[in-house]
């Protein structure tokens, strides 16, 4: 499924992406949406494929009651093909911080 819909804001070390789900999302769906959102850092590059390798400290901060969230990602580290990010999903309507965590991907260009 493709959850990342619109890039809202991009800076050197952070991005904001609107993600929309067809049903109330699970934590696994939040992680997938965060990984999809990381492509916003590479708009100017020809990225072919990325692999989610590590997920840690995923925390449910409030009840999941919406199907649209703003994902705020911060790039923590980039070493070769490895990239580590933190993410925070914020409910679009209630402005509630809902899920946070960290993940690492390998990007093949």
N, C-alpha and C. Protein backbone atom coordinates (compact mmCIF):
# COMPACT_ATOMS: atom_id res chain seq x y z
N UNK A 1 0.84 -1.18 0.00
CA UNK A 1 0.00 0.00 0.00
C UNK A 1 0.88 1.24 0.00
N UNK A 2 0.37 2.26 -0.61
CA UNK A 2 1.07 3.53 -0.68
C UNK A 2 0.35 4.51 0.26
N UNK A 3 1.00 4.84 1.39
CA UNK A 3 0.39 5.72 2.39
C UNK A 3 0.86 7.16 2.28
N UNK A 4 2.12 7.38 1.91
CA UNK A 4 2.67 8.74 1.81
C UNK A 4 2.06 9.41 0.59
N UNK A 5 1.34 10.50 0.83
CA UNK A 5 0.60 11.14 -0.27
C UNK A 5 1.19 12.48 -0.71
N UNK A 6 1.47 13.37 0.24
CA UNK A 6 1.91 14.73 -0.11
C UNK A 6 3.08 15.15 0.77
N UNK A 7 4.11 15.70 0.13
CA UNK A 7 5.23 16.28 0.87
C UNK A 7 4.82 17.69 1.25
N UNK A 8 4.80 17.97 2.55
CA UNK A 8 4.35 19.26 3.05
C UNK A 8 5.51 20.23 3.22
N UNK A 9 6.65 19.73 3.73
CA UNK A 9 7.78 20.60 4.01
C UNK A 9 9.06 19.78 3.97
N UNK A 10 10.13 20.39 3.44
CA UNK A 10 11.43 19.72 3.37
C UNK A 10 12.51 20.70 3.79
N UNK A 11 13.39 20.27 4.69
CA UNK A 11 14.60 21.02 5.02
C UNK A 11 15.76 20.03 4.99
N UNK A 12 16.95 20.48 5.33
CA UNK A 12 18.12 19.61 5.24
C UNK A 12 17.99 18.33 6.05
N UNK A 13 17.51 18.44 7.27
CA UNK A 13 17.48 17.27 8.15
C UNK A 13 16.09 16.85 8.61
N UNK A 14 15.04 17.44 8.03
CA UNK A 14 13.69 17.01 8.41
C UNK A 14 12.72 17.19 7.24
N UNK A 15 11.69 16.36 7.27
CA UNK A 15 10.62 16.46 6.27
C UNK A 15 9.28 16.27 6.99
N UNK A 16 8.24 16.80 6.37
CA UNK A 16 6.87 16.58 6.83
C UNK A 16 6.08 16.05 5.65
N UNK A 17 5.40 14.93 5.87
CA UNK A 17 4.68 14.25 4.80
C UNK A 17 3.29 13.88 5.30
N UNK A 18 2.27 14.17 4.51
CA UNK A 18 0.90 13.78 4.83
C UNK A 18 0.70 12.34 4.38
N UNK A 19 0.27 11.49 5.31
CA UNK A 19 0.01 10.09 5.01
C UNK A 19 -1.46 9.79 5.27
N UNK A 20 -2.07 9.07 4.35
CA UNK A 20 -3.49 8.74 4.45
C UNK A 20 -3.65 7.22 4.37
N UNK A 21 -4.42 6.68 5.30
CA UNK A 21 -4.68 5.24 5.37
C UNK A 21 -6.12 4.96 4.94
N UNK A 22 -6.36 3.76 4.39
CA UNK A 22 -7.72 3.37 3.98
C UNK A 22 -8.57 2.92 5.16
N UNK A 23 -7.90 2.44 6.21
CA UNK A 23 -8.56 1.99 7.43
C UNK A 23 -7.78 2.55 8.61
N UNK A 24 -8.28 2.39 9.82
CA UNK A 24 -7.51 2.82 10.99
C UNK A 24 -6.19 2.05 10.99
N UNK A 25 -5.08 2.76 11.05
CA UNK A 25 -3.78 2.09 10.91
C UNK A 25 -3.34 1.34 12.16
N UNK A 26 -2.54 0.31 11.92
CA UNK A 26 -1.87 -0.42 12.99
C UNK A 26 -0.47 0.18 13.16
N UNK A 27 0.25 -0.24 14.19
CA UNK A 27 1.62 0.25 14.36
C UNK A 27 2.49 -0.13 13.17
N UNK A 28 2.28 -1.32 12.63
CA UNK A 28 3.05 -1.74 11.45
C UNK A 28 2.79 -0.81 10.26
N UNK A 29 1.56 -0.36 10.11
CA UNK A 29 1.23 0.57 9.02
C UNK A 29 1.89 1.93 9.25
N UNK A 30 1.98 2.37 10.51
CA UNK A 30 2.67 3.63 10.81
C UNK A 30 4.16 3.51 10.44
N UNK A 31 4.76 2.39 10.74
CA UNK A 31 6.18 2.18 10.41
C UNK A 31 6.38 2.20 8.90
N UNK A 32 5.51 1.52 8.17
CA UNK A 32 5.60 1.51 6.71
C UNK A 32 5.42 2.92 6.15
N UNK A 33 4.46 3.67 6.69
CA UNK A 33 4.24 5.05 6.21
C UNK A 33 5.46 5.92 6.49
N UNK A 34 6.08 5.74 7.64
CA UNK A 34 7.29 6.50 7.96
C UNK A 34 8.41 6.16 6.98
N UNK A 35 8.58 4.88 6.69
CA UNK A 35 9.62 4.47 5.73
C UNK A 35 9.33 5.05 4.35
N UNK A 36 8.08 5.01 3.91
CA UNK A 36 7.72 5.61 2.62
C UNK A 36 7.99 7.11 2.61
N UNK A 37 7.73 7.76 3.72
CA UNK A 37 7.91 9.21 3.81
C UNK A 37 9.37 9.62 3.69
N UNK A 38 10.29 8.73 4.01
CA UNK A 38 11.71 9.07 3.95
C UNK A 38 12.19 9.39 2.54
N UNK A 39 11.44 8.98 1.52
CA UNK A 39 11.82 9.29 0.14
C UNK A 39 11.80 10.80 -0.12
N UNK A 40 11.10 11.55 0.72
CA UNK A 40 11.04 13.01 0.56
C UNK A 40 12.43 13.65 0.69
N UNK A 41 13.36 12.98 1.38
CA UNK A 41 14.72 13.48 1.48
C UNK A 41 15.48 13.36 0.16
N UNK A 42 15.01 12.51 -0.75
CA UNK A 42 15.75 12.19 -1.98
C UNK A 42 15.00 12.60 -3.24
N UNK A 43 14.30 13.69 -3.21
CA UNK A 43 13.54 14.12 -4.38
C UNK A 43 14.42 14.39 -5.59
N UNK A 44 15.66 14.80 -5.36
CA UNK A 44 16.54 15.17 -6.47
C UNK A 44 17.41 14.00 -6.93
N UNK A 45 17.27 12.83 -6.32
CA UNK A 45 18.09 11.68 -6.68
C UNK A 45 17.22 10.60 -7.31
N UNK A 46 17.84 9.71 -8.04
CA UNK A 46 17.15 8.59 -8.67
C UNK A 46 17.28 7.37 -7.75
N UNK A 47 16.44 7.30 -6.74
CA UNK A 47 16.47 6.18 -5.81
C UNK A 47 15.68 5.02 -6.42
N UNK A 48 16.28 3.85 -6.44
CA UNK A 48 15.62 2.71 -7.05
C UNK A 48 14.85 1.87 -6.03
N UNK A 49 15.46 1.62 -4.88
CA UNK A 49 14.80 0.76 -3.91
C UNK A 49 15.38 1.01 -2.52
N UNK A 50 14.55 0.85 -1.52
CA UNK A 50 15.00 0.98 -0.14
C UNK A 50 14.54 -0.21 0.67
N UNK A 51 15.32 -0.62 1.64
CA UNK A 51 15.01 -1.75 2.50
C UNK A 51 14.97 -1.30 3.95
N UNK A 52 13.86 -1.52 4.60
CA UNK A 52 13.74 -1.24 6.03
C UNK A 52 14.51 -2.32 6.77
N UNK A 53 15.50 -1.92 7.57
CA UNK A 53 16.35 -2.91 8.23
C UNK A 53 16.15 -2.97 9.74
N UNK A 54 15.90 -1.84 10.37
CA UNK A 54 15.78 -1.81 11.83
C UNK A 54 14.67 -0.86 12.24
N UNK A 55 13.90 -1.28 13.23
CA UNK A 55 12.87 -0.44 13.83
C UNK A 55 13.06 -0.54 15.34
N UNK A 56 13.05 0.61 16.04
CA UNK A 56 13.21 0.54 17.49
C UNK A 56 12.43 1.65 18.18
N UNK A 57 12.14 1.41 19.42
CA UNK A 57 11.49 2.38 20.32
C UNK A 57 10.20 2.97 19.73
N UNK A 58 9.39 2.14 19.08
CA UNK A 58 8.10 2.62 18.57
C UNK A 58 7.14 2.69 19.74
N UNK A 59 6.56 3.87 19.94
CA UNK A 59 5.70 4.12 21.10
C UNK A 59 4.36 4.67 20.63
N UNK A 60 3.30 4.06 21.13
CA UNK A 60 1.95 4.57 20.91
C UNK A 60 1.70 5.65 21.95
N UNK A 61 1.56 6.90 21.51
CA UNK A 61 1.44 8.05 22.43
C UNK A 61 -0.01 8.40 22.74
N UNK A 62 -0.92 8.07 21.82
CA UNK A 62 -2.34 8.32 22.04
C UNK A 62 -3.14 7.36 21.17
N UNK A 63 -4.43 7.27 21.42
CA UNK A 63 -5.27 6.35 20.66
C UNK A 63 -5.26 6.68 19.17
N UNK A 64 -5.33 5.65 18.37
CA UNK A 64 -5.39 5.80 16.92
C UNK A 64 -6.86 5.96 16.56
N UNK A 65 -7.24 7.17 16.15
CA UNK A 65 -8.65 7.47 15.87
C UNK A 65 -8.86 8.12 14.51
N UNK A 66 -7.78 8.40 13.78
CA UNK A 66 -7.88 9.07 12.49
C UNK A 66 -7.26 8.22 11.40
N UNK A 67 -7.51 8.60 10.17
CA UNK A 67 -6.92 7.90 9.04
C UNK A 67 -5.94 8.78 8.27
N UNK A 68 -5.74 10.02 8.71
CA UNK A 68 -4.79 10.93 8.08
C UNK A 68 -3.87 11.52 9.13
N UNK A 69 -2.56 11.41 8.87
CA UNK A 69 -1.55 11.87 9.84
C UNK A 69 -0.45 12.64 9.13
N UNK A 70 0.11 13.59 9.84
CA UNK A 70 1.30 14.30 9.39
C UNK A 70 2.50 13.58 10.01
N UNK A 71 3.41 13.10 9.15
CA UNK A 71 4.61 12.43 9.63
C UNK A 71 5.77 13.42 9.58
N UNK A 72 6.42 13.59 10.71
CA UNK A 72 7.59 14.45 10.82
C UNK A 72 8.79 13.53 11.00
N UNK A 73 9.69 13.54 10.01
CA UNK A 73 10.88 12.70 10.06
C UNK A 73 12.10 13.58 10.22
N UNK A 74 13.04 13.11 11.02
CA UNK A 74 14.33 13.78 11.17
C UNK A 74 15.42 12.79 10.81
N UNK A 75 16.35 13.24 9.97
CA UNK A 75 17.47 12.38 9.60
C UNK A 75 18.50 12.46 10.72
N UNK A 76 18.79 11.32 11.32
CA UNK A 76 19.75 11.26 12.42
C UNK A 76 21.16 11.00 11.90
N UNK A 77 21.26 10.07 10.94
CA UNK A 77 22.58 9.72 10.41
C UNK A 77 22.44 9.19 9.00
N UNK A 78 23.49 9.42 8.20
CA UNK A 78 23.58 8.87 6.85
C UNK A 78 25.03 8.47 6.61
N UNK A 79 25.23 7.16 6.51
CA UNK A 79 26.57 6.62 6.28
C UNK A 79 26.48 5.67 5.10
N UNK A 80 27.00 6.10 3.97
CA UNK A 80 26.90 5.28 2.76
C UNK A 80 25.45 5.04 2.41
N UNK A 81 25.09 3.77 2.30
CA UNK A 81 23.72 3.39 1.96
C UNK A 81 22.78 3.37 3.16
N UNK A 82 23.32 3.46 4.38
CA UNK A 82 22.52 3.38 5.59
C UNK A 82 22.02 4.76 6.01
N UNK A 83 20.73 4.83 6.35
CA UNK A 83 20.14 6.07 6.83
C UNK A 83 19.26 5.79 8.04
N UNK A 84 19.46 6.58 9.08
CA UNK A 84 18.66 6.41 10.29
C UNK A 84 17.79 7.64 10.50
N UNK A 85 16.53 7.40 10.89
CA UNK A 85 15.55 8.47 11.05
C UNK A 85 14.79 8.29 12.36
N UNK A 86 14.29 9.41 12.88
CA UNK A 86 13.25 9.38 13.91
C UNK A 86 11.97 9.83 13.21
N UNK A 87 10.83 9.39 13.75
CA UNK A 87 9.56 9.85 13.19
C UNK A 87 8.55 10.11 14.29
N UNK A 88 7.64 11.01 13.96
CA UNK A 88 6.52 11.34 14.84
C UNK A 88 5.30 11.49 13.95
N UNK A 89 4.24 10.75 14.27
CA UNK A 89 2.97 10.86 13.53
C UNK A 89 2.01 11.70 14.36
N UNK A 90 1.49 12.75 13.73
CA UNK A 90 0.60 13.70 14.40
C UNK A 90 -0.75 13.65 13.70
N UNK A 91 -1.82 13.46 14.46
CA UNK A 91 -3.16 13.44 13.89
C UNK A 91 -3.48 14.77 13.23
N UNK A 92 -3.99 14.70 12.00
CA UNK A 92 -4.27 15.92 11.24
C UNK A 92 -5.40 16.74 11.86
N UNK A 93 -6.43 16.07 12.35
CA UNK A 93 -7.58 16.80 12.89
C UNK A 93 -7.38 17.19 14.35
N UNK A 94 -6.93 16.24 15.16
CA UNK A 94 -6.81 16.51 16.58
C UNK A 94 -5.47 17.07 17.00
N UNK A 95 -4.50 17.13 16.07
CA UNK A 95 -3.16 17.62 16.37
C UNK A 95 -2.50 16.86 17.51
N UNK A 96 -2.89 15.59 17.70
CA UNK A 96 -2.33 14.77 18.77
C UNK A 96 -1.13 13.99 18.28
N UNK A 97 -0.05 14.02 19.04
CA UNK A 97 1.09 13.15 18.74
C UNK A 97 0.63 11.73 19.02
N UNK A 98 0.71 10.86 18.01
CA UNK A 98 0.09 9.55 18.11
C UNK A 98 1.11 8.41 18.21
N UNK A 99 2.13 8.43 17.35
CA UNK A 99 3.14 7.36 17.34
C UNK A 99 4.50 8.00 17.10
N UNK A 100 5.52 7.48 17.79
CA UNK A 100 6.89 7.93 17.54
C UNK A 100 7.80 6.71 17.49
N UNK A 101 8.99 6.89 16.92
CA UNK A 101 9.94 5.80 16.87
C UNK A 101 11.14 6.13 16.01
N UNK A 102 11.94 5.11 15.78
CA UNK A 102 13.17 5.22 14.98
C UNK A 102 13.22 4.07 13.99
N UNK A 103 13.85 4.32 12.84
CA UNK A 103 14.05 3.23 11.89
C UNK A 103 15.30 3.50 11.06
N UNK A 104 15.81 2.42 10.48
CA UNK A 104 16.97 2.50 9.60
C UNK A 104 16.62 1.84 8.29
N UNK A 105 17.06 2.46 7.20
CA UNK A 105 16.86 1.86 5.88
C UNK A 105 18.19 1.81 5.16
N UNK A 106 18.26 0.90 4.18
CA UNK A 106 19.37 0.85 3.24
C UNK A 106 18.79 1.30 1.91
N UNK A 107 19.42 2.26 1.26
CA UNK A 107 18.95 2.80 -0.01
C UNK A 107 19.90 2.41 -1.11
N UNK A 108 19.37 1.77 -2.14
CA UNK A 108 20.14 1.41 -3.33
C UNK A 108 19.82 2.40 -4.44
N UNK A 109 20.84 3.12 -4.91
CA UNK A 109 20.60 4.12 -5.96
C UNK A 109 20.91 3.53 -7.33
